[in-house]
Protein backbone atom coordinates (compact mmCIF):
# COMPACT_ATOMS: atom_id res chain seq x y z
CA MET A 1 -45.51 8.89 2.25
CA LYS A 2 -41.89 9.90 3.82
CA GLN A 3 -40.11 6.88 2.31
CA VAL A 4 -41.08 8.16 -1.09
CA PHE A 5 -39.56 11.46 -0.38
CA LEU A 6 -36.63 9.80 0.85
CA LEU A 7 -36.27 8.17 -2.52
CA ILE A 8 -37.12 10.45 -4.80
CA GLY A 9 -34.09 13.17 -2.77
CA ILE A 10 -31.75 9.91 -3.31
CA ALA A 11 -32.46 9.81 -6.52
CA PHE A 12 -31.58 13.72 -7.27
CA ILE A 13 -28.94 13.60 -5.57
CA LEU A 14 -27.61 10.87 -7.04
CA SER A 15 -28.19 12.25 -10.39
CA ALA A 16 -26.16 15.19 -9.94
CA LEU A 17 -23.31 13.83 -8.03
CA PRO A 18 -20.29 15.29 -9.15
CA VAL A 19 -16.92 15.19 -11.43
CA THR A 20 -14.37 14.31 -9.27
CA ALA A 21 -11.73 14.27 -11.62
CA GLY A 22 -10.54 16.95 -14.56
CA SER A 23 -7.45 18.52 -15.88
CA PRO A 24 -4.36 19.06 -13.33
CA ALA A 25 -4.46 22.28 -11.81
CA SER A 26 -2.82 24.77 -14.43
CA ALA A 27 0.82 24.73 -15.71
CA PRO A 28 3.07 27.43 -15.01
CA ASP A 29 2.97 29.00 -17.93
CA VAL A 30 -0.54 30.11 -17.83
CA LYS A 31 -0.53 33.85 -18.04
CA PHE A 32 -2.44 34.88 -14.91
CA GLU A 33 -4.19 38.46 -15.13
CA GLN A 34 -2.54 41.21 -12.39
CA ASN A 35 -4.30 43.48 -10.44
CA GLN A 36 -3.10 47.00 -9.47
CA LYS A 37 -2.08 45.78 -6.05
CA GLY A 38 0.42 43.49 -8.48
CA ASP A 39 -1.89 39.90 -7.28
CA LEU A 40 -2.82 37.55 -9.48
CA ILE A 41 -6.41 37.06 -10.32
CA ALA A 42 -7.48 33.24 -10.92
CA TRP A 43 -10.78 31.21 -10.76
CA ILE A 44 -10.24 28.10 -8.76
CA TYR A 45 -12.19 24.86 -9.17
CA PHE A 46 -13.43 22.70 -6.81
CA LYS A 47 -13.62 18.86 -7.80
CA ASP A 48 -16.78 18.58 -5.90
CA LYS A 49 -19.26 20.33 -3.89
CA GLY A 50 -18.82 18.73 -0.68
CA THR A 51 -21.13 15.73 1.20
CA LEU A 52 -24.02 16.09 -0.76
CA SER A 53 -27.25 16.50 1.21
CA THR A 54 -31.28 17.36 0.86
CA LEU A 55 -29.96 20.01 2.69
CA LYS A 56 -28.31 21.72 -0.34
CA LYS A 57 -30.86 20.89 -2.26
CA GLN A 58 -33.17 23.30 -0.15
CA LYS A 59 -30.50 25.50 -0.14
CA ALA A 60 -30.49 25.47 -3.62
CA GLU A 61 -34.12 25.61 -4.16
CA ARG A 62 -34.27 28.91 -1.74
CA PHE A 63 -31.75 30.72 -3.96
CA LEU A 64 -33.57 30.15 -6.64
CA THR A 65 -37.09 31.97 -7.26
CA GLN A 66 -40.75 30.44 -8.14
CA ARG A 67 -40.77 32.40 -11.43
CA ALA A 68 -37.01 30.90 -12.32
CA ILE A 69 -38.34 27.63 -11.23
CA ALA A 70 -40.95 27.77 -13.61
CA ARG A 71 -39.19 29.55 -16.60
CA ARG A 72 -36.91 25.99 -16.25
CA LEU A 73 -39.61 24.16 -16.66
CA LYS A 74 -40.64 25.09 -19.65
CA GLN A 75 -37.86 23.33 -20.84
CA ASN A 76 -38.84 19.84 -19.95
CA LEU A 77 -41.23 19.14 -17.41
CA ASN A 78 -40.32 15.59 -17.03
CA THR A 79 -36.98 17.57 -15.39
CA ASP A 80 -35.86 18.70 -11.98
CA PRO A 81 -35.81 22.16 -12.42
CA ILE A 82 -32.46 22.08 -9.58
CA ASP A 83 -29.66 20.32 -10.50
CA TYR A 84 -26.18 19.83 -9.65
CA SER A 85 -24.84 23.14 -10.87
CA ASP A 86 -27.56 24.77 -8.76
CA PHE A 87 -26.01 23.19 -5.40
CA PRO A 88 -24.06 25.98 -3.17
CA ILE A 89 -20.25 25.69 -3.53
CA ALA A 90 -18.92 23.58 -0.07
CA GLN A 91 -18.57 26.01 2.58
CA ASP A 92 -15.63 23.90 4.01
CA TYR A 93 -13.49 24.60 0.82
CA VAL A 94 -13.88 28.19 1.03
CA ARG A 95 -12.76 28.26 4.63
CA VAL A 96 -9.24 26.55 3.94
CA LEU A 97 -8.87 28.33 0.72
CA ARG A 98 -9.76 31.89 2.38
CA PRO A 99 -6.21 32.23 4.61
CA LEU A 100 -4.04 31.17 1.49
CA VAL A 101 -5.00 34.09 -0.62
CA HIS A 102 -6.08 37.59 -0.35
CA LYS A 103 -9.20 37.97 -1.31
CA VAL A 104 -12.22 36.10 -2.58
CA ARG A 105 -13.88 38.07 -5.26
CA ALA A 106 -16.57 36.35 -6.93
CA ARG A 107 -18.45 33.01 -6.54
CA SER A 108 -19.88 30.82 -9.02
CA ARG A 109 -22.24 27.56 -8.13
CA TRP A 110 -22.38 26.67 -11.83
CA LEU A 111 -19.12 26.71 -12.23
CA ASN A 112 -18.27 25.30 -8.66
CA ALA A 113 -15.67 27.61 -8.79
CA VAL A 114 -14.48 30.94 -7.34
CA SER A 115 -11.96 33.88 -8.27
CA VAL A 116 -9.14 34.88 -6.09
CA GLU A 117 -6.65 37.96 -5.82
CA LEU A 118 -3.57 35.99 -4.77
CA SER A 119 0.27 35.93 -5.12
CA ALA A 120 2.50 33.44 -7.24
CA GLU A 121 3.48 32.06 -3.61
CA GLN A 122 0.49 31.48 -2.87
CA LEU A 123 -0.74 30.15 -6.01
CA GLN A 124 1.61 27.21 -6.02
CA GLN A 125 -0.14 26.22 -2.16
CA VAL A 126 -3.78 26.58 -3.51
CA ARG A 127 -2.31 23.99 -6.24
CA ARG A 128 -1.34 21.28 -3.28
CA LEU A 129 -5.06 21.69 -1.80
CA ASP A 130 -6.63 18.03 -2.30
CA PHE A 131 -10.41 19.60 -3.51
CA VAL A 132 -8.59 21.81 -5.72
CA ASP A 133 -9.57 20.39 -9.45
CA ARG A 134 -8.03 23.13 -11.89
CA ILE A 135 -6.70 26.46 -11.90
CA ARG A 136 -7.20 29.21 -14.36
CA PRO A 137 -6.76 32.96 -15.14
CA VAL A 138 -9.81 35.18 -14.82
CA HIS A 139 -9.72 37.03 -18.34
CA ALA A 140 -9.99 40.87 -18.98
CA SER A 141 -11.48 42.43 -21.33
CA ARG A 142 -10.18 44.85 -23.96
CA PRO A 143 -10.94 48.66 -22.60
CA ARG A 144 -14.19 49.59 -24.39
CA ARG A 145 -13.18 52.00 -27.67
CA THR A 146 -14.82 55.47 -26.88
CA LEU A 147 -16.87 57.19 -29.62
CA PRO A 148 -17.71 60.55 -28.98
CA GLU A 149 -21.63 61.30 -29.15
CA LYS A 150 -23.43 62.98 -32.13
CA ALA A 151 -26.07 65.60 -31.43
CA VAL A 152 -29.43 63.87 -33.09
CA ALA A 153 -31.26 66.41 -35.11
CA HIS A 154 -34.35 66.77 -34.77
CA LYS A 155 -35.87 67.03 -38.30
CA ALA A 156 -39.69 69.16 -38.99
CA ASN A 157 -40.64 66.11 -41.81
CA TYR A 158 -38.67 62.76 -39.78
CA LEU A 159 -40.49 60.17 -40.85
CA ALA A 160 -41.16 59.21 -37.00
CA LYS A 161 -44.61 57.81 -36.67
CA THR A 162 -46.30 54.78 -37.00
CA GLY A 163 -50.16 54.04 -35.67
CA SER A 164 -49.77 55.26 -32.01
CA LEU A 165 -46.62 55.28 -31.05
CA ASP A 166 -44.11 58.52 -32.63
CA TYR A 167 -40.71 57.38 -32.71
CA GLY A 168 -38.60 59.92 -32.86
CA ALA A 169 -35.29 59.77 -34.37
CA SER A 170 -35.17 56.19 -33.26
CA TYR A 171 -37.93 55.19 -36.05
CA ASP A 172 -34.80 53.55 -38.13
CA GLN A 173 -34.05 51.15 -35.87
CA ILE A 174 -37.25 49.92 -34.62
CA HIS A 175 -38.37 49.69 -37.87
CA LEU A 176 -35.48 47.86 -39.59
CA ILE A 177 -36.94 44.91 -37.37
CA ASN A 178 -40.03 45.66 -37.42
CA ALA A 179 -40.91 45.86 -34.02
CA ASP A 180 -43.25 48.84 -34.74
CA VAL A 181 -45.84 46.05 -36.23
CA LEU A 182 -45.61 44.07 -33.06
CA HIS A 183 -46.24 47.43 -31.37
CA GLU A 184 -49.06 48.18 -33.25
CA LYS A 185 -50.21 44.80 -31.72
CA GLY A 186 -50.18 46.20 -28.33
CA LEU A 187 -46.86 44.31 -27.73
CA TYR A 188 -44.29 46.24 -25.47
CA GLY A 189 -42.62 43.62 -23.40
CA GLN A 190 -45.47 43.18 -20.78
CA GLY A 191 -44.46 40.58 -18.68
CA VAL A 192 -41.17 39.48 -19.72
CA LEU A 193 -38.05 39.75 -17.27
CA ILE A 194 -35.08 41.31 -19.17
CA CYS A 195 -31.62 40.85 -17.21
CA MET A 196 -29.18 44.12 -18.75
CA LEU A 197 -25.21 43.21 -17.81
CA ASP A 198 -23.40 46.28 -19.02
CA ASP A 199 -21.40 49.11 -16.68
CA GLY A 200 -23.77 50.32 -14.45
CA PHE A 201 -27.05 52.42 -15.61
CA ASN A 202 -27.53 56.46 -14.21
CA LEU A 203 -30.57 56.45 -13.05
CA LEU A 204 -30.65 57.99 -9.47
CA ASN A 205 -30.32 61.37 -11.43
CA HIS A 206 -32.35 59.88 -14.38
CA HIS A 207 -32.90 60.34 -17.56
CA ILE A 208 -36.57 61.00 -18.99
CA ALA A 209 -36.27 58.35 -21.15
CA PHE A 210 -36.10 56.13 -17.70
CA ASP A 211 -39.43 58.30 -16.51
CA SER A 212 -41.53 54.81 -17.13
CA LEU A 213 -38.44 52.04 -16.62
CA ASP A 214 -40.22 49.44 -14.63
CA VAL A 215 -36.98 47.88 -12.55
CA GLN A 216 -37.49 45.05 -9.99
CA ALA A 217 -34.18 44.57 -8.91
CA THR A 218 -30.59 46.34 -9.24
CA TRP A 219 -26.87 45.05 -8.14
CA ASP A 220 -23.35 46.18 -8.69
CA PHE A 221 -21.20 43.38 -9.00
CA ILE A 222 -18.02 45.05 -8.83
CA HIS A 223 -18.90 47.25 -5.52
CA ASP A 224 -21.43 44.74 -3.76
CA ASP A 225 -24.56 47.04 -3.51
CA GLU A 226 -27.70 47.93 -4.97
CA SER A 227 -26.31 50.75 -6.64
CA VAL A 228 -25.74 50.53 -10.78
CA ASP A 229 -24.67 54.56 -10.79
CA ASP A 230 -21.74 56.25 -11.26
CA SER A 231 -19.77 55.67 -8.14
CA GLU A 232 -16.95 57.52 -5.68
CA TYR A 233 -14.67 55.67 -7.94
CA ASP A 234 -15.09 56.15 -11.45
CA ALA A 235 -17.83 58.99 -12.88
CA THR A 236 -18.34 57.30 -15.86
CA GLU A 237 -19.51 54.19 -14.45
CA GLY A 238 -22.96 54.16 -15.57
CA THR A 239 -22.57 55.86 -18.91
CA HIS A 240 -22.76 53.06 -21.45
CA GLY A 241 -25.06 50.84 -19.60
CA THR A 242 -27.54 54.18 -19.36
CA LYS A 243 -26.79 54.17 -23.44
CA THR A 244 -27.91 50.49 -23.99
CA LEU A 245 -30.59 50.37 -21.78
CA SER A 246 -32.33 53.30 -23.61
CA THR A 247 -32.27 51.50 -26.65
CA ILE A 248 -34.48 48.72 -25.32
CA GLY A 249 -36.36 50.28 -22.35
CA GLY A 250 -36.44 53.85 -23.38
CA TYR A 251 -39.98 55.55 -23.65
CA THR A 252 -40.29 59.53 -24.79
CA PRO A 253 -42.49 59.70 -27.51
CA GLY A 254 -40.87 62.00 -30.37
CA SER A 255 -37.63 61.59 -29.09
CA LEU A 256 -36.79 57.81 -28.53
CA ILE A 257 -39.02 54.26 -28.09
CA GLY A 258 -37.22 50.95 -26.70
CA THR A 259 -37.72 47.71 -28.50
CA ALA A 260 -39.67 46.59 -25.62
CA TYR A 261 -40.40 49.90 -23.05
CA LYS A 262 -43.17 48.21 -21.33
CA ALA A 263 -40.56 45.23 -20.13
CA THR A 264 -39.25 44.67 -16.58
CA TYR A 265 -35.88 44.85 -15.86
CA LEU A 266 -33.00 43.83 -13.72
CA LEU A 267 -29.75 45.53 -14.02
CA ALA A 268 -26.52 44.23 -13.39
CA LYS A 269 -23.46 46.57 -13.17
CA THR A 270 -20.64 44.27 -14.13
CA GLU A 271 -17.98 46.31 -15.70
CA VAL A 272 -16.68 49.44 -14.77
CA ASP A 273 -14.88 51.79 -17.72
CA ALA A 274 -12.02 53.01 -16.44
CA SER A 275 -9.41 51.93 -18.70
CA GLU A 276 -7.12 51.44 -15.64
CA THR A 277 -9.28 48.92 -13.53
CA PRO A 278 -9.75 45.34 -15.74
CA VAL A 279 -13.13 44.43 -16.65
CA GLU A 280 -12.96 40.92 -15.41
CA GLU A 281 -14.87 37.81 -15.94
CA ASP A 282 -15.75 36.66 -13.21
CA TYR A 283 -18.23 39.87 -12.58
CA TRP A 284 -20.46 38.80 -15.59
CA VAL A 285 -20.96 35.05 -14.11
CA GLU A 286 -21.89 36.28 -10.91
CA GLY A 287 -24.17 38.58 -12.27
CA ILE A 288 -25.71 35.90 -15.09
CA GLU A 289 -26.08 33.68 -11.82
CA TRP A 290 -28.28 36.41 -10.68
CA ALA A 291 -30.27 36.57 -13.61
CA ASP A 292 -30.87 33.47 -13.15
CA SER A 293 -32.28 33.18 -9.65
CA LEU A 294 -34.62 36.23 -10.33
CA GLY A 295 -36.26 34.44 -12.93
CA ALA A 296 -35.20 36.17 -15.94
CA ASP A 297 -36.34 35.16 -19.46
CA VAL A 298 -33.59 37.29 -21.62
CA VAL A 299 -30.49 38.36 -21.32
CA SER A 300 -28.82 41.62 -22.93
CA SER A 301 -24.86 41.71 -22.78
CA SER A 302 -23.31 44.60 -24.30
CA LEU A 303 -19.77 43.13 -23.13
CA GLY A 304 -17.27 41.00 -24.40
CA TYR A 305 -13.87 39.30 -23.84
CA ILE A 306 -11.13 38.88 -26.14
CA ASP A 307 -7.97 39.70 -25.03
CA TRP A 308 -6.43 37.34 -23.24
CA TYR A 309 -8.27 35.14 -25.78
CA THR A 310 -7.38 33.86 -28.91
CA TRP A 311 -9.92 33.49 -32.02
CA GLN A 312 -8.75 29.72 -31.80
CA ASP A 313 -11.00 30.40 -28.63
CA MET A 314 -13.92 31.06 -29.33
CA ASP A 315 -15.10 27.54 -30.06
CA GLY A 316 -18.12 27.51 -28.05
CA GLU A 317 -16.43 25.54 -25.20
CA THR A 318 -13.45 27.54 -23.67
CA ALA A 319 -13.86 31.24 -22.46
CA THR A 320 -15.40 31.21 -18.92
CA THR A 321 -18.59 33.73 -19.66
CA THR A 322 -19.24 31.42 -22.88
CA ILE A 323 -19.42 28.12 -20.86
CA ALA A 324 -21.89 30.03 -17.86
CA ALA A 325 -23.68 31.91 -20.85
CA ASP A 326 -24.50 28.42 -22.22
CA LEU A 327 -25.66 27.17 -19.17
CA ALA A 328 -28.37 29.40 -18.48
CA VAL A 329 -29.95 28.74 -21.41
CA GLU A 330 -30.06 25.49 -20.78
CA LYS A 331 -32.10 26.60 -17.81
CA GLY A 332 -34.28 28.50 -20.16
CA ILE A 333 -32.85 31.59 -20.28
CA LEU A 334 -32.87 33.56 -23.92
CA VAL A 335 -29.27 35.00 -24.24
CA LEU A 336 -28.30 37.34 -26.47
CA ASN A 337 -24.74 39.30 -26.77
CA SER A 338 -22.41 41.58 -28.91
CA ALA A 339 -21.29 40.15 -31.54
CA GLY A 340 -18.35 42.39 -31.30
CA ASN A 341 -16.82 45.87 -33.02
CA GLU A 342 -13.51 44.25 -33.53
CA TYR A 343 -14.22 44.25 -37.82
CA ASP A 344 -13.61 42.06 -40.08
CA ASN A 345 -10.36 39.43 -40.80
CA ALA A 346 -10.19 37.50 -43.84
CA ASP A 347 -8.03 34.75 -41.82
CA HIS A 348 -10.00 34.08 -39.13
CA ASN A 349 -12.92 35.22 -36.85
CA THR A 350 -13.28 38.42 -34.61
CA LEU A 351 -16.08 37.26 -31.95
CA ILE A 352 -15.92 38.29 -28.63
CA ALA A 353 -17.18 35.82 -25.99
CA PRO A 354 -19.51 35.16 -24.57
CA ALA A 355 -20.94 35.45 -28.48
CA ASP A 356 -19.11 31.89 -29.66
CA GLY A 357 -21.62 30.38 -27.48
CA ASN A 358 -23.40 27.03 -28.56
CA ASN A 359 -26.75 28.26 -27.56
CA VAL A 360 -26.04 32.13 -27.44
CA LEU A 361 -27.21 34.81 -29.91
CA ALA A 362 -24.92 36.95 -31.04
CA VAL A 363 -26.07 40.24 -32.83
CA ALA A 364 -24.21 41.80 -35.83
CA ALA A 365 -24.94 45.26 -36.27
CA THR A 366 -26.08 47.13 -39.58
CA TYR A 367 -26.53 50.34 -40.88
CA SER A 368 -30.25 52.00 -41.33
CA ASP A 369 -30.32 50.60 -45.02
CA GLY A 370 -29.29 46.86 -43.46
CA SER A 371 -25.72 46.94 -44.96
CA ARG A 372 -23.21 45.40 -42.64
CA ALA A 373 -21.67 48.16 -40.42
CA SER A 374 -17.96 47.78 -41.51
CA PHE A 375 -17.08 47.40 -37.25
CA SER A 376 -18.67 44.81 -36.79
CA SER A 377 -17.07 40.84 -35.99
CA VAL A 378 -17.17 38.38 -37.73
CA GLY A 379 -17.40 34.50 -37.66
CA PRO A 380 -17.44 31.69 -37.85
CA SER A 381 -16.79 30.37 -34.64
CA ALA A 382 -13.72 28.79 -34.15
CA ASP A 383 -15.02 25.26 -35.09
CA GLY A 384 -17.27 25.78 -38.15
CA ARG A 385 -20.78 27.69 -36.35
CA VAL A 386 -22.02 29.99 -37.96
CA LYS A 387 -21.44 33.20 -36.31
CA PRO A 388 -22.69 35.78 -35.59
CA ASP A 389 -26.16 34.42 -35.47
CA ILE A 390 -28.83 37.80 -36.26
CA ALA A 391 -28.34 41.62 -37.12
CA ALA A 392 -29.87 44.35 -36.08
CA MET A 393 -29.17 48.17 -36.63
CA GLY A 394 -26.14 49.11 -34.57
CA ALA A 395 -25.11 52.40 -36.75
CA GLY A 396 -26.32 55.47 -36.26
CA VAL A 397 -28.69 54.45 -33.30
CA THR A 398 -30.14 57.10 -31.22
CA TYR A 399 -29.97 56.74 -27.40
CA ALA A 400 -29.95 58.56 -24.13
CA SER A 401 -27.70 61.05 -24.34
CA SER A 402 -24.98 60.32 -20.68
CA TYR A 403 -24.45 64.21 -20.79
CA SER A 404 -27.72 65.32 -20.31
CA ASP A 405 -30.87 64.31 -18.59
CA SER A 406 -33.23 65.64 -21.15
CA GLY A 407 -30.75 65.34 -24.43
CA PHE A 408 -30.55 62.17 -26.97
CA ALA A 409 -27.87 61.21 -29.61
CA SER A 410 -26.37 58.66 -31.76
CA GLY A 411 -23.83 56.39 -32.56
CA ASN A 412 -22.23 53.02 -33.30
CA GLY A 413 -21.50 49.55 -32.09
CA THR A 414 -22.72 45.96 -31.76
CA SER A 415 -23.22 46.94 -28.28
CA PHE A 416 -26.50 48.86 -29.22
CA SER A 417 -27.63 46.14 -31.84
CA CYS A 418 -27.64 43.99 -29.17
CA PRO A 419 -30.36 45.09 -26.54
CA ILE A 420 -32.23 46.21 -30.09
CA ALA A 421 -32.42 43.06 -31.08
CA ALA A 422 -32.99 41.03 -27.51
CA GLY A 423 -36.13 43.87 -26.96
CA GLY A 424 -37.21 42.51 -29.90
CA ALA A 425 -37.30 38.64 -28.66
CA ALA A 426 -38.91 40.01 -25.52
CA LEU A 427 -42.37 41.40 -27.65
CA LEU A 428 -42.50 37.64 -29.14
CA LEU A 429 -41.91 36.20 -25.75
CA ASN A 430 -44.89 38.86 -24.76
CA ALA A 431 -47.10 37.11 -27.46
CA PHE A 432 -45.89 33.71 -26.81
CA PRO A 433 -45.01 33.26 -23.43
CA ASP A 434 -44.61 29.35 -23.11
CA LEU A 435 -41.80 29.16 -25.85
CA THR A 436 -38.48 27.99 -25.01
CA PRO A 437 -35.06 30.16 -26.03
CA ALA A 438 -35.05 27.22 -29.07
CA GLN A 439 -37.95 27.93 -30.26
CA ILE A 440 -37.63 31.65 -30.52
CA GLN A 441 -34.00 31.39 -31.55
CA GLN A 442 -35.60 29.35 -34.72
CA ALA A 443 -38.32 31.66 -35.08
CA LEU A 444 -35.45 34.65 -35.61
CA ARG A 445 -33.26 32.68 -37.51
CA ASN A 446 -36.14 31.37 -40.43
CA THR A 447 -37.16 34.25 -40.73
CA ALA A 448 -34.41 37.04 -40.92
CA SER A 449 -33.56 38.09 -44.30
CA GLN A 450 -30.76 35.47 -45.04
CA SER A 451 -31.97 32.90 -43.48
CA ASP A 452 -31.78 31.08 -47.22
CA ASN A 453 -27.80 31.86 -47.12
CA PRO A 454 -26.60 32.60 -43.53
CA ASP A 455 -22.54 33.93 -43.84
CA LYS A 456 -19.74 34.79 -41.78
CA TYR A 457 -20.85 38.51 -41.68
CA LEU A 458 -24.62 38.98 -40.24
CA GLY A 459 -25.48 35.15 -39.81
CA TRP A 460 -28.95 34.38 -40.47
CA GLY A 461 -29.38 38.08 -41.30
CA ILE A 462 -31.80 41.03 -40.26
CA ILE A 463 -34.08 39.56 -37.90
CA ASP A 464 -38.17 40.35 -39.13
CA LEU A 465 -40.23 40.41 -35.61
CA GLU A 466 -43.59 40.46 -37.77
CA ALA A 467 -42.18 37.65 -39.77
CA ALA A 468 -41.29 35.43 -36.81
CA TYR A 469 -44.39 36.45 -35.15
CA ASN A 470 -46.40 34.57 -38.29
CA TYR A 471 -44.02 32.24 -38.78
CA ILE A 472 -44.77 31.37 -35.32
CA GLU A 473 -48.49 31.63 -35.24
CA THR A 474 -48.93 29.74 -38.00
CA SER A 475 -46.48 27.19 -36.85
CA SER A 476 -46.57 23.68 -35.24
CA LEU A 477 -43.59 24.26 -33.08
CA ASP A 478 -42.48 21.00 -31.25
CA LYS A 479 -40.59 20.89 -28.70
CA LYS A 480 -38.83 17.85 -29.17
CA SER A 481 -37.64 19.19 -32.65
CA LEU A 482 -35.83 22.22 -30.80
CA SER A 483 -33.13 21.05 -28.58
CA LEU A 484 -30.41 22.73 -27.78
CA GLN A 485 -27.13 22.04 -29.23
CA PRO A 486 -26.61 18.05 -28.14
CA LYS A 487 -25.05 17.24 -25.35
CA GLN A 488 -21.34 16.27 -25.00
CA VAL A 489 -22.73 12.91 -23.53
CA GLU A 490 -25.10 11.01 -25.28
CA LEU A 491 -26.38 8.19 -22.68
CA PHE A 492 -28.59 5.55 -24.12
CA PRO A 493 -30.03 2.97 -21.36
CA ASN A 494 -28.65 0.17 -20.25
CA TYR A 495 -29.13 -3.54 -21.85
CA PRO A 496 -30.21 -5.73 -20.00
CA ASN A 497 -31.71 -4.09 -17.76
CA PRO A 498 -33.18 -5.34 -14.65
CA PHE A 499 -29.64 -7.23 -15.27
CA ASN A 500 -28.31 -10.26 -12.92
CA PRO A 501 -24.86 -9.81 -12.35
CA THR A 502 -23.98 -8.23 -15.92
CA THR A 503 -25.39 -5.29 -18.04
CA THR A 504 -23.78 -3.15 -20.83
CA ILE A 505 -23.69 0.68 -20.62
CA SER A 506 -23.33 2.41 -24.35
CA TYR A 507 -22.60 6.18 -25.16
CA ARG A 508 -21.66 8.74 -27.51
CA LEU A 509 -19.38 11.85 -27.31
CA GLN A 510 -19.66 14.82 -28.99
CA ARG A 511 -16.34 15.96 -28.78
CA ALA A 512 -13.03 13.86 -27.56
CA GLY A 513 -12.43 13.44 -24.37
CA THR A 514 -11.48 11.90 -20.54
CA VAL A 515 -14.22 9.39 -19.30
CA GLU A 516 -14.99 7.36 -16.00
CA ILE A 517 -18.05 5.55 -15.11
CA SER A 518 -19.08 4.93 -11.66
CA ILE A 519 -21.97 3.00 -10.02
CA PHE A 520 -23.44 3.63 -7.42
CA ASN A 521 -26.02 2.42 -4.70
CA MET A 522 -29.59 3.54 -3.25
CA GLN A 523 -27.38 4.91 -0.20
CA GLY A 524 -24.93 7.20 -2.09
CA GLN A 525 -21.79 4.44 -2.10
CA LYS A 526 -19.84 4.10 -4.81
CA VAL A 527 -19.87 0.19 -5.12
CA LEU A 528 -17.90 0.55 -8.64
CA GLU A 529 -15.65 2.48 -10.66
CA LEU A 530 -14.34 1.73 -14.48
CA PRO A 531 -10.65 3.04 -15.29
CA LYS A 532 -10.66 6.16 -16.97
CA ILE A 533 -9.86 6.14 -20.79
CA LEU A 534 -9.62 8.59 -23.47
CA GLN A 535 -11.76 8.36 -26.11
CA ALA A 536 -12.73 9.44 -29.77
CA SER A 537 -15.96 11.50 -31.21
CA GLY A 538 -18.73 9.99 -32.74
CA ASN A 539 -18.53 6.67 -32.26
CA ILE A 540 -20.84 4.77 -30.02
CA TYR A 541 -18.83 3.28 -26.90
CA TYR A 542 -19.75 -0.04 -24.79
CA ARG A 543 -18.81 -0.40 -21.20
CA THR A 544 -19.52 -3.79 -19.72
CA ILE A 545 -19.97 -3.98 -15.80
CA GLN A 546 -20.74 -6.76 -12.99
CA LEU A 547 -22.28 -6.50 -9.63
CA LYS A 548 -21.19 -9.52 -8.02
CA ASN A 549 -21.92 -10.19 -4.51
CA LYS A 550 -24.30 -6.86 -4.34
CA ALA A 551 -28.30 -6.91 -3.21
CA SER A 552 -30.90 -6.67 -5.60
CA GLY A 553 -31.80 -3.16 -5.87
CA LEU A 554 -31.77 0.26 -7.93
CA TYR A 555 -28.24 1.33 -8.68
CA TYR A 556 -27.47 4.47 -10.67
CA TYR A 557 -24.35 4.77 -13.04
CA HIS A 558 -22.57 8.05 -13.32
CA ILE A 559 -20.76 9.12 -16.53
CA GLN A 560 -18.65 12.36 -16.28
CA THR A 561 -16.15 13.35 -19.28
CA ALA A 562 -13.60 16.48 -19.41
CA VAL A 563 -13.18 17.70 -22.84
CA THR A 564 -9.74 17.18 -23.84
CA ALA A 565 -9.56 20.74 -26.50
CA SER A 566 -10.93 22.59 -22.87
CA GLY A 567 -10.86 20.78 -20.04
CA ARG A 568 -14.82 21.57 -19.32
CA ARG A 569 -16.89 19.18 -17.88
CA TYR A 570 -19.75 17.06 -18.50
CA THR A 571 -22.12 14.81 -16.42
CA GLU A 572 -24.98 12.04 -17.24
CA THR A 573 -26.81 9.97 -15.06
CA GLY A 574 -28.58 6.76 -15.67
CA LYS A 575 -30.38 4.05 -13.84
CA MET A 576 -30.67 0.26 -13.47
CA LEU A 577 -32.07 -2.51 -11.68
CA LEU A 578 -30.36 -5.55 -10.41
CA LEU A 579 -32.90 -8.45 -9.41
CA LYS A 580 -31.30 -12.23 -8.41
């Protein structure tokens, strides 16, 4: 039994071997964000995670709750829910790096990187470290446009009640997506864990809309503590999150009812409002990894990163938050992000990252009559995909006032259409808890208002939760036919297998990039490495290997690629049997 366990452990480790080759450290002309002290803010990417061991796998397992593991298994029951991206960063690398920088800000297991504050001179020193793969700026978002709150008018004959619930002034935003129909079925988000990534949430002096809110955990990634309220540093750190949270989780009959008011919530403060404070993407990445570890089913993010990216970067492959968001979906989390409030542009998209993600649902905004709100960002993505994906009401939305613990106001923004839609997705998960993100996405798109003719303004259109519910209930949703976006490497079985001593490995790339192939034995030793080559996308490539003078047994071939356009790296592993 111990021998079997050892083989499984070795197989897992080898299936997750790191990419050791990548793009060089950042070019001198790359522009880095500076903090108020004048330090540069940079991502330091490591070449690997140090020596792999069963201990590291065990640490990765301890980092994830059982709920998180169960959610990941929904994606594929035949795949180990723990992969290389979950392994902790090599502490030896951090120990060497720490004296060479002023501050280590954040760490990302998924990206195998740390964000740091350092001087230009220190940056040159870090570039020379042999375990550093590349260095990139930590980007900041544009300070949010501040819009004045508008008091909600309470009309005597306001159409607000359907069935057993009195939505008050929030009726339009609920009814437009038919969330009220699912509410009448007894679906309020029960059992669904939703993570909100925002600037903070004023809960200590809490608004009446949150009297019954179920909060499982909170964390402030800026100040590194559990308080997500306004802090001593800024008296507005919780205003935006308070508003967005109320549209999904608020419950005050007669005034406001959120789309998923009986869901359970994780609240992550990853942004501050003060315009002089950079709003960096590293906190967002830490926040979504935290959400994954606790087992979040849905992530709603009303944040975006665009100032230091160009519209061409909105290609699903470049922005750091986009890469992290897509990884989260691959791990079984349904991720929704505001499309942005950047208006239309006839020449190019106006999306904000991570709304450009391949697997992220970008949410546009409409008025109560279903027409597009003029401020709502447009697509398509830079690589031609339909974006935004879906839409919900984002103009004249009712939310909890940030100036009163019992008042309500209205305002505009995709910041509100996103959580409203995310709550709707949670209602579907409430009804059908075994569905994967890809299945929920398909149901929402295929039943939205313009599913037959998606465009750059509203994507597939305004979601219809009643239609999506019926679609799921009456359709045969086949997981095999609902895969996420194609992997960068489509790896085919080697042939022949078993072999002696020659076999051929074949694969196809989704995007052009460099390719390296390494062969490992059962002890984790590299026995062969093929030269790195640059290859185009679309074709099937064949690489022949020979294992002369090697013992019979199981071997692993590990394909490592780096996409030319973005430098993003991907890995795939196969196994083969040498028989003499």
